[in-house]
Amino acid sequence: MAAAVAQGLDRKMQRRLKQGLSEEMLYAVRDVFQTFESGTGILDVNSLRAALKSLDHPISHQEAKNLVHDLDQDGCGGIQFYQFAEYLKPILLMDDMRTKIESYFDEFAEVLLEDDVSEPTSDTQKRYLTKSSIRAMADKVGELLPDEEIEEVLQYATDGDDKIDVKTLLKICKELRLY
C-alpha cells in the first residue's frame, strides 16, 4: 500500500474518493497520510492522532483508538489511506463550505460603526450583512430572492437591528445543515 500511495492513487480509488472531494483536497489528504505513515501504508493510533492534529482536528488517544478499531477492516492494526480519506471526506467538505460562507461574508459584508461613535476605529467598526448586501450576494450567485424573503431572514436572524454578523451567519448555515 505504501508504494501505491507514494506513486499516487490508483484509478479506482481516485474515482471512489473524488466523489465529493476536489482533486486538490484528495492530494492534500494523501500528503498528510504520507507524512504520518511510517512506511507500512497504515496509520496507527498515534500517527492518526498526529495526522488529524495537523489538519486542525485533534482527537484524544481513546477517540483515535476507537476510530482505528471501527475503520480497520482487515485487522492490520491501523487505517489505510482510502479509509483515512473516507473518514476525512465529510470533515473536509464541511470545512470547505464554512470557508466559502466566510468568504461570501467577507465579500459582501458592510462596515458599520457601533452606536454612538463619531470617530471610526478598527475597534468600533463591525462587519454585517444587511438587506442590501444580502441582495447583492443573491444577485451574484443568480438566486432570485424576493425582498420579503430577505426581510424574513433578517427578522429570524437578528434582534430587530437588521444586521447579521459572521457568527450569526455561520450559526444559521449550520442550522440549515449547509455545513
N, C-alpha and C. Protein backbone atom coordinates (compact mmCIF):
# COMPACT_ATOMS: atom_id res chain seq x y z
N MET A 1 0.82 -1.20 0.00
CA MET A 1 0.00 0.00 0.00
C MET A 1 0.86 1.26 0.00
N ALA A 2 1.98 1.22 0.73
CA ALA A 2 2.84 2.40 0.80
C ALA A 2 3.33 2.79 -0.59
N ALA A 3 3.66 1.80 -1.40
CA ALA A 3 4.13 2.09 -2.76
C ALA A 3 3.02 2.73 -3.59
N ALA A 4 1.80 2.23 -3.42
CA ALA A 4 0.67 2.80 -4.18
C ALA A 4 0.43 4.24 -3.77
N VAL A 5 0.53 4.52 -2.47
CA VAL A 5 0.34 5.89 -2.00
C VAL A 5 1.47 6.77 -2.51
N ALA A 6 2.70 6.27 -2.42
CA ALA A 6 3.85 7.06 -2.83
C ALA A 6 3.80 7.39 -4.32
N GLN A 7 3.32 6.48 -5.14
CA GLN A 7 3.27 6.72 -6.58
C GLN A 7 2.02 7.48 -7.00
N GLY A 8 1.08 7.61 -6.14
CA GLY A 8 -0.16 8.28 -6.48
C GLY A 8 -1.31 7.33 -6.24
N LEU A 9 -2.47 7.75 -6.56
CA LEU A 9 -3.67 6.97 -6.31
C LEU A 9 -4.02 6.16 -7.54
N ASP A 10 -4.42 4.90 -7.32
CA ASP A 10 -4.87 4.13 -8.48
C ASP A 10 -6.22 4.68 -8.95
N ARG A 11 -6.57 4.39 -10.19
CA ARG A 11 -7.77 4.98 -10.81
C ARG A 11 -9.05 4.65 -10.05
N LYS A 12 -9.19 3.42 -9.60
CA LYS A 12 -10.41 3.02 -8.89
C LYS A 12 -10.56 3.84 -7.61
N MET A 13 -9.46 4.00 -6.88
CA MET A 13 -9.51 4.76 -5.64
C MET A 13 -9.79 6.23 -5.93
N GLN A 14 -9.19 6.75 -6.99
CA GLN A 14 -9.44 8.15 -7.36
C GLN A 14 -10.91 8.39 -7.62
N ARG A 15 -11.53 7.50 -8.40
CA ARG A 15 -12.95 7.68 -8.71
C ARG A 15 -13.80 7.62 -7.44
N ARG A 16 -13.51 6.65 -6.58
CA ARG A 16 -14.33 6.47 -5.39
C ARG A 16 -14.19 7.67 -4.45
N LEU A 17 -12.96 8.10 -4.22
CA LEU A 17 -12.74 9.18 -3.27
C LEU A 17 -13.06 10.54 -3.83
N LYS A 18 -12.92 10.70 -5.12
CA LYS A 18 -13.11 12.00 -5.72
C LYS A 18 -14.56 12.44 -5.67
N GLN A 19 -15.47 11.51 -5.49
CA GLN A 19 -16.87 11.89 -5.38
C GLN A 19 -17.01 12.75 -4.13
N GLY A 20 -17.06 14.03 -4.32
CA GLY A 20 -17.22 14.94 -3.21
C GLY A 20 -15.96 15.69 -2.86
N LEU A 21 -14.79 15.11 -3.03
CA LEU A 21 -13.55 15.79 -2.72
C LEU A 21 -12.93 16.33 -4.01
N SER A 22 -12.43 17.54 -3.94
CA SER A 22 -11.72 18.08 -5.09
C SER A 22 -10.39 17.36 -5.22
N GLU A 23 -9.81 17.44 -6.39
CA GLU A 23 -8.50 16.81 -6.59
C GLU A 23 -7.47 17.41 -5.64
N GLU A 24 -7.56 18.70 -5.43
CA GLU A 24 -6.65 19.38 -4.51
C GLU A 24 -6.78 18.83 -3.09
N MET A 25 -8.02 18.64 -2.64
CA MET A 25 -8.25 18.07 -1.31
C MET A 25 -7.69 16.66 -1.22
N LEU A 26 -7.94 15.89 -2.25
CA LEU A 26 -7.50 14.49 -2.27
C LEU A 26 -5.98 14.39 -2.16
N TYR A 27 -5.28 15.24 -2.90
CA TYR A 27 -3.82 15.21 -2.83
C TYR A 27 -3.32 15.74 -1.49
N ALA A 28 -4.02 16.69 -0.89
CA ALA A 28 -3.65 17.17 0.43
C ALA A 28 -3.79 16.05 1.47
N VAL A 29 -4.87 15.28 1.37
CA VAL A 29 -5.07 14.14 2.27
C VAL A 29 -3.94 13.13 2.07
N ARG A 30 -3.61 12.87 0.82
CA ARG A 30 -2.53 11.93 0.53
C ARG A 30 -1.21 12.41 1.14
N ASP A 31 -0.93 13.71 1.01
CA ASP A 31 0.31 14.25 1.56
C ASP A 31 0.36 14.10 3.08
N VAL A 32 -0.76 14.37 3.74
CA VAL A 32 -0.80 14.21 5.19
C VAL A 32 -0.61 12.74 5.56
N PHE A 33 -1.29 11.85 4.85
CA PHE A 33 -1.15 10.42 5.12
C PHE A 33 0.31 10.00 4.98
N GLN A 34 0.93 10.40 3.89
CA GLN A 34 2.33 10.02 3.64
C GLN A 34 3.26 10.58 4.71
N THR A 35 2.97 11.75 5.20
CA THR A 35 3.80 12.36 6.22
C THR A 35 3.78 11.56 7.52
N PHE A 36 2.64 11.00 7.85
CA PHE A 36 2.49 10.37 9.16
C PHE A 36 2.52 8.85 9.16
N GLU A 37 2.39 8.21 8.01
CA GLU A 37 2.51 6.75 8.00
C GLU A 37 3.99 6.42 7.99
N SER A 38 4.36 5.32 8.61
CA SER A 38 5.79 5.02 8.82
C SER A 38 6.34 4.00 7.83
N GLY A 39 5.90 4.07 6.59
CA GLY A 39 6.38 3.14 5.58
C GLY A 39 5.60 1.85 5.51
N THR A 40 4.60 1.72 6.35
CA THR A 40 3.78 0.50 6.38
C THR A 40 2.52 0.62 5.56
N GLY A 41 2.18 1.85 5.19
CA GLY A 41 0.95 2.07 4.45
C GLY A 41 -0.27 2.18 5.35
N ILE A 42 -0.04 2.29 6.66
CA ILE A 42 -1.16 2.45 7.59
C ILE A 42 -0.83 3.53 8.61
N LEU A 43 -1.87 4.07 9.18
CA LEU A 43 -1.74 4.98 10.32
C LEU A 43 -2.17 4.22 11.56
N ASP A 44 -1.28 4.13 12.55
CA ASP A 44 -1.67 3.54 13.82
C ASP A 44 -2.32 4.63 14.67
N VAL A 45 -2.65 4.31 15.89
CA VAL A 45 -3.37 5.25 16.76
C VAL A 45 -2.60 6.56 16.91
N ASN A 46 -1.31 6.47 17.21
CA ASN A 46 -0.53 7.70 17.45
C ASN A 46 -0.34 8.51 16.17
N SER A 47 -0.05 7.85 15.05
CA SER A 47 0.14 8.59 13.81
C SER A 47 -1.19 9.17 13.31
N LEU A 48 -2.29 8.49 13.59
CA LEU A 48 -3.61 9.03 13.24
C LEU A 48 -3.87 10.31 14.01
N ARG A 49 -3.57 10.29 15.30
CA ARG A 49 -3.76 11.50 16.13
C ARG A 49 -2.92 12.65 15.59
N ALA A 50 -1.67 12.36 15.25
CA ALA A 50 -0.78 13.40 14.74
C ALA A 50 -1.28 13.94 13.40
N ALA A 51 -1.75 13.06 12.54
CA ALA A 51 -2.25 13.47 11.22
C ALA A 51 -3.48 14.36 11.38
N LEU A 52 -4.41 13.95 12.23
CA LEU A 52 -5.62 14.75 12.43
C LEU A 52 -5.31 16.08 13.11
N LYS A 53 -4.37 16.07 14.03
CA LYS A 53 -3.97 17.33 14.68
C LYS A 53 -3.38 18.29 13.64
N SER A 54 -2.60 17.76 12.70
CA SER A 54 -2.02 18.62 11.66
C SER A 54 -3.10 19.24 10.78
N LEU A 55 -4.27 18.62 10.74
CA LEU A 55 -5.40 19.14 9.96
C LEU A 55 -6.37 19.96 10.82
N ASP A 56 -5.93 20.32 12.01
CA ASP A 56 -6.75 21.10 12.97
C ASP A 56 -8.00 20.35 13.40
N HIS A 57 -7.89 19.03 13.52
CA HIS A 57 -8.98 18.20 14.02
C HIS A 57 -8.44 17.22 15.06
N PRO A 58 -7.92 17.77 16.17
CA PRO A 58 -7.32 16.88 17.16
C PRO A 58 -8.36 15.98 17.82
N ILE A 59 -7.92 14.77 18.14
CA ILE A 59 -8.78 13.83 18.87
C ILE A 59 -7.96 13.21 19.99
N SER A 60 -8.65 12.70 20.99
CA SER A 60 -7.97 12.08 22.13
C SER A 60 -7.42 10.72 21.72
N HIS A 61 -6.56 10.19 22.59
CA HIS A 61 -6.00 8.86 22.33
C HIS A 61 -7.11 7.82 22.24
N GLN A 62 -8.08 7.91 23.15
CA GLN A 62 -9.18 6.94 23.15
C GLN A 62 -10.03 7.07 21.89
N GLU A 63 -10.29 8.30 21.46
CA GLU A 63 -11.05 8.50 20.22
C GLU A 63 -10.31 7.92 19.02
N ALA A 64 -8.99 8.10 18.99
CA ALA A 64 -8.19 7.55 17.89
C ALA A 64 -8.21 6.02 17.93
N LYS A 65 -8.12 5.48 19.13
CA LYS A 65 -8.16 4.02 19.30
C LYS A 65 -9.50 3.47 18.80
N ASN A 66 -10.58 4.14 19.17
CA ASN A 66 -11.91 3.71 18.72
C ASN A 66 -12.06 3.84 17.21
N LEU A 67 -11.51 4.91 16.66
CA LEU A 67 -11.59 5.14 15.22
C LEU A 67 -10.83 4.06 14.46
N VAL A 68 -9.63 3.74 14.92
CA VAL A 68 -8.85 2.67 14.28
C VAL A 68 -9.63 1.36 14.36
N HIS A 69 -10.20 1.09 15.52
CA HIS A 69 -10.98 -0.15 15.68
C HIS A 69 -12.15 -0.19 14.71
N ASP A 70 -12.84 0.93 14.56
CA ASP A 70 -14.02 0.99 13.68
C ASP A 70 -13.65 0.90 12.19
N LEU A 71 -12.51 1.49 11.81
CA LEU A 71 -12.16 1.56 10.39
C LEU A 71 -11.24 0.44 9.92
N ASP A 72 -10.58 -0.23 10.83
CA ASP A 72 -9.61 -1.27 10.46
C ASP A 72 -10.35 -2.53 10.04
N GLN A 73 -10.67 -2.61 8.75
CA GLN A 73 -11.48 -3.71 8.24
C GLN A 73 -10.70 -5.02 8.10
N ASP A 74 -9.39 -4.93 7.91
CA ASP A 74 -8.62 -6.15 7.68
C ASP A 74 -7.78 -6.57 8.88
N GLY A 75 -7.93 -5.88 10.01
CA GLY A 75 -7.22 -6.28 11.22
C GLY A 75 -5.74 -5.98 11.23
N CYS A 76 -5.29 -5.03 10.44
CA CYS A 76 -3.86 -4.74 10.34
C CYS A 76 -3.36 -3.84 11.48
N GLY A 77 -4.27 -3.36 12.32
CA GLY A 77 -3.86 -2.54 13.45
C GLY A 77 -3.80 -1.05 13.16
N GLY A 78 -4.26 -0.65 12.00
CA GLY A 78 -4.26 0.76 11.64
C GLY A 78 -5.24 1.00 10.52
N ILE A 79 -5.23 2.21 10.01
CA ILE A 79 -6.14 2.50 8.90
C ILE A 79 -5.32 2.83 7.66
N GLN A 80 -5.82 2.38 6.54
CA GLN A 80 -5.15 2.58 5.27
C GLN A 80 -5.58 3.91 4.67
N PHE A 81 -4.91 4.30 3.60
CA PHE A 81 -5.16 5.61 3.00
C PHE A 81 -6.63 5.82 2.65
N TYR A 82 -7.22 4.87 1.94
CA TYR A 82 -8.60 5.09 1.50
C TYR A 82 -9.56 5.20 2.68
N GLN A 83 -9.26 4.49 3.78
CA GLN A 83 -10.10 4.59 4.97
C GLN A 83 -9.93 5.97 5.62
N PHE A 84 -8.70 6.45 5.66
CA PHE A 84 -8.39 7.77 6.19
C PHE A 84 -9.11 8.84 5.37
N ALA A 85 -9.03 8.73 4.05
CA ALA A 85 -9.65 9.72 3.17
C ALA A 85 -11.18 9.69 3.30
N GLU A 86 -11.75 8.50 3.38
CA GLU A 86 -13.21 8.39 3.54
C GLU A 86 -13.65 9.01 4.86
N TYR A 87 -12.88 8.78 5.91
CA TYR A 87 -13.19 9.37 7.21
C TYR A 87 -13.13 10.90 7.14
N LEU A 88 -12.13 11.41 6.44
CA LEU A 88 -11.93 12.86 6.36
C LEU A 88 -12.90 13.56 5.42
N LYS A 89 -13.48 12.84 4.50
CA LYS A 89 -14.31 13.48 3.47
C LYS A 89 -15.37 14.42 4.06
N PRO A 90 -16.23 13.98 4.97
CA PRO A 90 -17.25 14.93 5.48
C PRO A 90 -16.64 16.08 6.27
N ILE A 91 -15.54 15.83 6.95
CA ILE A 91 -14.88 16.88 7.73
C ILE A 91 -14.34 17.95 6.78
N LEU A 92 -13.66 17.51 5.74
CA LEU A 92 -13.08 18.46 4.79
C LEU A 92 -14.15 19.21 4.01
N LEU A 93 -15.22 18.53 3.65
CA LEU A 93 -16.29 19.19 2.92
C LEU A 93 -16.98 20.25 3.78
N MET A 94 -17.16 19.94 5.08
CA MET A 94 -17.75 20.94 5.99
C MET A 94 -16.81 22.13 6.15
N ASP A 95 -15.52 21.86 6.31
CA ASP A 95 -14.55 22.95 6.43
C ASP A 95 -14.55 23.81 5.18
N ASP A 96 -14.62 23.16 4.01
CA ASP A 96 -14.63 23.89 2.75
C ASP A 96 -15.87 24.77 2.63
N MET A 97 -17.02 24.24 3.02
CA MET A 97 -18.27 25.01 2.95
C MET A 97 -18.21 26.20 3.92
N ARG A 98 -17.70 25.97 5.12
CA ARG A 98 -17.57 27.05 6.09
C ARG A 98 -16.67 28.15 5.53
N THR A 99 -15.58 27.76 4.91
CA THR A 99 -14.66 28.72 4.31
C THR A 99 -15.35 29.52 3.21
N LYS A 100 -16.15 28.85 2.40
CA LYS A 100 -16.88 29.55 1.34
C LYS A 100 -17.89 30.54 1.92
N ILE A 101 -18.58 30.13 2.97
CA ILE A 101 -19.55 31.02 3.61
C ILE A 101 -18.84 32.25 4.17
N GLU A 102 -17.73 32.03 4.86
CA GLU A 102 -16.97 33.15 5.40
C GLU A 102 -16.44 34.05 4.29
N SER A 103 -16.06 33.46 3.17
CA SER A 103 -15.57 34.24 2.03
C SER A 103 -16.68 35.13 1.46
N TYR A 104 -17.88 34.57 1.32
CA TYR A 104 -19.01 35.38 0.85
C TYR A 104 -19.31 36.50 1.84
N PHE A 105 -19.26 36.18 3.12
CA PHE A 105 -19.49 37.22 4.13
C PHE A 105 -18.47 38.34 3.94
N ASP A 106 -17.19 37.97 3.83
CA ASP A 106 -16.14 38.98 3.68
C ASP A 106 -16.34 39.83 2.44
N GLU A 107 -16.81 39.20 1.37
CA GLU A 107 -17.01 39.93 0.12
C GLU A 107 -18.17 40.91 0.19
N PHE A 108 -19.24 40.53 0.90
CA PHE A 108 -20.47 41.33 0.83
C PHE A 108 -20.81 42.10 2.10
N ALA A 109 -20.16 41.80 3.19
CA ALA A 109 -20.49 42.48 4.44
C ALA A 109 -20.15 43.96 4.35
N GLU A 110 -20.95 44.75 5.00
CA GLU A 110 -20.74 46.19 5.04
C GLU A 110 -20.10 46.55 6.37
N VAL A 111 -19.21 47.52 6.34
CA VAL A 111 -18.60 48.00 7.57
C VAL A 111 -19.54 49.05 8.15
N LEU A 112 -19.97 48.80 9.36
CA LEU A 112 -20.88 49.71 10.05
C LEU A 112 -20.25 50.11 11.38
N LEU A 113 -20.50 51.32 11.78
CA LEU A 113 -19.99 51.79 13.06
C LEU A 113 -20.89 51.34 14.19
N GLU A 114 -20.29 51.11 15.35
CA GLU A 114 -21.10 50.83 16.53
C GLU A 114 -21.85 52.10 16.89
N ASP A 115 -22.93 51.93 17.62
CA ASP A 115 -23.74 53.08 18.02
C ASP A 115 -22.92 54.07 18.83
N ASP A 116 -23.25 55.33 18.71
CA ASP A 116 -22.66 56.41 19.48
C ASP A 116 -21.15 56.57 19.29
N VAL A 117 -20.68 56.33 18.07
CA VAL A 117 -19.26 56.51 17.78
C VAL A 117 -19.12 57.54 16.68
N SER A 118 -18.35 58.59 16.96
CA SER A 118 -18.18 59.63 15.95
C SER A 118 -16.90 59.42 15.14
N GLU A 119 -15.86 58.88 15.75
CA GLU A 119 -14.59 58.62 15.06
C GLU A 119 -14.42 57.12 14.85
N PRO A 120 -14.45 56.65 13.60
CA PRO A 120 -14.30 55.22 13.36
C PRO A 120 -12.88 54.73 13.63
N THR A 121 -12.77 53.61 14.31
CA THR A 121 -11.51 52.91 14.53
C THR A 121 -11.76 51.44 14.25
N SER A 122 -10.70 50.66 14.20
CA SER A 122 -10.88 49.23 13.93
C SER A 122 -11.67 48.56 15.05
N ASP A 123 -11.61 49.13 16.26
CA ASP A 123 -12.36 48.55 17.37
C ASP A 123 -13.85 48.88 17.32
N THR A 124 -14.21 49.98 16.68
CA THR A 124 -15.61 50.39 16.66
C THR A 124 -16.31 50.03 15.35
N GLN A 125 -15.54 49.53 14.38
CA GLN A 125 -16.14 49.13 13.11
C GLN A 125 -16.47 47.64 13.16
N LYS A 126 -17.65 47.30 12.78
CA LYS A 126 -18.08 45.90 12.72
C LYS A 126 -18.59 45.63 11.32
N ARG A 127 -18.47 44.38 10.90
CA ARG A 127 -18.93 44.00 9.56
C ARG A 127 -20.22 43.20 9.71
N TYR A 128 -21.20 43.56 8.88
CA TYR A 128 -22.51 42.92 8.93
C TYR A 128 -23.06 42.71 7.53
N LEU A 129 -23.93 41.74 7.42
CA LEU A 129 -24.77 41.62 6.24
C LEU A 129 -26.04 42.40 6.53
N THR A 130 -26.46 43.19 5.57
CA THR A 130 -27.69 43.96 5.67
C THR A 130 -28.58 43.56 4.50
N LYS A 131 -29.75 44.17 4.42
CA LYS A 131 -30.65 43.86 3.32
C LYS A 131 -29.97 44.09 1.97
N SER A 132 -29.26 45.20 1.83
CA SER A 132 -28.63 45.49 0.53
C SER A 132 -27.48 44.53 0.24
N SER A 133 -26.72 44.14 1.24
CA SER A 133 -25.61 43.22 0.97
C SER A 133 -26.12 41.81 0.70
N ILE A 134 -27.21 41.41 1.34
CA ILE A 134 -27.82 40.10 1.05
C ILE A 134 -28.37 40.11 -0.38
N ARG A 135 -28.97 41.22 -0.78
CA ARG A 135 -29.47 41.36 -2.15
C ARG A 135 -28.31 41.22 -3.15
N ALA A 136 -27.18 41.89 -2.88
CA ALA A 136 -26.03 41.82 -3.78
C ALA A 136 -25.47 40.40 -3.86
N MET A 137 -25.44 39.72 -2.72
CA MET A 137 -24.95 38.34 -2.69
C MET A 137 -25.87 37.44 -3.50
N ALA A 138 -27.17 37.56 -3.30
CA ALA A 138 -28.13 36.74 -4.04
C ALA A 138 -28.03 37.00 -5.54
N ASP A 139 -27.90 38.26 -5.91
CA ASP A 139 -27.77 38.60 -7.33
C ASP A 139 -26.51 37.98 -7.93
N LYS A 140 -25.41 38.02 -7.19
CA LYS A 140 -24.15 37.49 -7.71
C LYS A 140 -24.24 35.99 -7.98
N VAL A 141 -24.89 35.25 -7.09
CA VAL A 141 -24.97 33.79 -7.27
C VAL A 141 -26.17 33.39 -8.12
N GLY A 142 -26.92 34.39 -8.62
CA GLY A 142 -28.04 34.09 -9.51
C GLY A 142 -29.28 33.59 -8.81
N GLU A 143 -29.41 33.90 -7.55
CA GLU A 143 -30.56 33.45 -6.77
C GLU A 143 -31.65 34.52 -6.81
N LEU A 144 -32.85 34.11 -7.21
CA LEU A 144 -33.97 35.03 -7.21
C LEU A 144 -34.54 35.06 -5.79
N LEU A 145 -34.25 36.13 -5.09
CA LEU A 145 -34.64 36.23 -3.69
C LEU A 145 -35.48 37.49 -3.50
N PRO A 146 -36.79 37.32 -3.34
CA PRO A 146 -37.65 38.50 -3.15
C PRO A 146 -37.32 39.24 -1.86
N ASP A 147 -37.58 40.52 -1.84
CA ASP A 147 -37.32 41.34 -0.65
C ASP A 147 -38.01 40.77 0.58
N GLU A 148 -39.19 40.19 0.41
CA GLU A 148 -39.91 39.63 1.56
C GLU A 148 -39.10 38.51 2.21
N GLU A 149 -38.45 37.67 1.39
CA GLU A 149 -37.65 36.58 1.95
C GLU A 149 -36.41 37.11 2.65
N ILE A 150 -35.80 38.14 2.10
CA ILE A 150 -34.64 38.76 2.75
C ILE A 150 -35.08 39.32 4.11
N GLU A 151 -36.21 39.97 4.12
CA GLU A 151 -36.71 40.53 5.38
C GLU A 151 -37.02 39.43 6.39
N GLU A 152 -37.54 38.28 5.93
CA GLU A 152 -37.78 37.15 6.82
C GLU A 152 -36.48 36.64 7.42
N VAL A 153 -35.45 36.54 6.60
CA VAL A 153 -34.14 36.09 7.08
C VAL A 153 -33.63 37.05 8.14
N LEU A 154 -33.70 38.34 7.85
CA LEU A 154 -33.23 39.33 8.81
C LEU A 154 -34.04 39.30 10.10
N GLN A 155 -35.34 39.12 9.97
CA GLN A 155 -36.19 39.06 11.15
C GLN A 155 -35.86 37.83 11.99
N TYR A 156 -35.61 36.71 11.33
CA TYR A 156 -35.28 35.47 12.03
C TYR A 156 -33.91 35.56 12.70
N ALA A 157 -32.96 36.17 12.01
CA ALA A 157 -31.57 36.10 12.44
C ALA A 157 -31.12 37.26 13.33
N THR A 158 -31.93 38.27 13.45
CA THR A 158 -31.48 39.44 14.21
C THR A 158 -32.46 39.76 15.32
N ASP A 159 -32.03 40.67 16.15
CA ASP A 159 -32.90 41.11 17.24
C ASP A 159 -33.55 42.45 16.92
N GLY A 160 -33.83 42.65 15.64
CA GLY A 160 -34.50 43.86 15.21
C GLY A 160 -33.59 44.90 14.60
N ASP A 161 -32.28 44.68 14.65
CA ASP A 161 -31.38 45.68 14.08
C ASP A 161 -31.08 45.44 12.60
N ASP A 162 -31.60 44.34 12.05
CA ASP A 162 -31.44 44.01 10.62
C ASP A 162 -29.98 43.93 10.18
N LYS A 163 -29.10 43.43 11.06
CA LYS A 163 -27.69 43.23 10.74
C LYS A 163 -27.29 41.82 11.19
N ILE A 164 -26.59 41.11 10.30
CA ILE A 164 -26.15 39.75 10.61
C ILE A 164 -24.62 39.74 10.63
N ASP A 165 -24.05 39.35 11.78
CA ASP A 165 -22.59 39.24 11.84
C ASP A 165 -22.17 37.83 11.39
N VAL A 166 -20.88 37.60 11.25
CA VAL A 166 -20.40 36.34 10.70
C VAL A 166 -20.76 35.16 11.61
N LYS A 167 -20.73 35.35 12.93
CA LYS A 167 -21.09 34.26 13.85
C LYS A 167 -22.54 33.84 13.64
N THR A 168 -23.42 34.81 13.52
CA THR A 168 -24.84 34.52 13.31
C THR A 168 -25.05 33.83 11.97
N LEU A 169 -24.35 34.31 10.94
CA LEU A 169 -24.48 33.69 9.62
C LEU A 169 -24.05 32.23 9.67
N LEU A 170 -22.93 31.94 10.31
CA LEU A 170 -22.46 30.56 10.41
C LEU A 170 -23.44 29.70 11.22
N LYS A 171 -24.01 30.28 12.26
CA LYS A 171 -24.99 29.56 13.08
C LYS A 171 -26.23 29.19 12.24
N ILE A 172 -26.70 30.14 11.45
CA ILE A 172 -27.87 29.89 10.59
C ILE A 172 -27.54 28.82 9.56
N CYS A 173 -26.40 28.94 8.94
CA CYS A 173 -26.00 27.96 7.93
C CYS A 173 -25.84 26.56 8.53
N LYS A 174 -25.36 26.49 9.75
CA LYS A 174 -25.23 25.20 10.43
C LYS A 174 -26.62 24.63 10.74
N GLU A 175 -27.54 25.49 11.20
CA GLU A 175 -28.91 25.05 11.46
C GLU A 175 -29.57 24.53 10.19
N LEU A 176 -29.23 25.14 9.06
CA LEU A 176 -29.79 24.71 7.77
C LEU A 176 -29.01 23.54 7.18
N ARG A 177 -28.02 23.09 7.92
CA ARG A 177 -27.16 21.96 7.53
C ARG A 177 -26.44 22.22 6.21
N LEU A 178 -26.00 23.47 6.05
CA LEU A 178 -25.20 23.81 4.88
C LEU A 178 -23.75 23.42 5.07
N TYR A 179 -23.38 23.21 6.30
CA TYR A 179 -22.06 22.68 6.61
C TYR A 179 -22.10 21.97 7.94
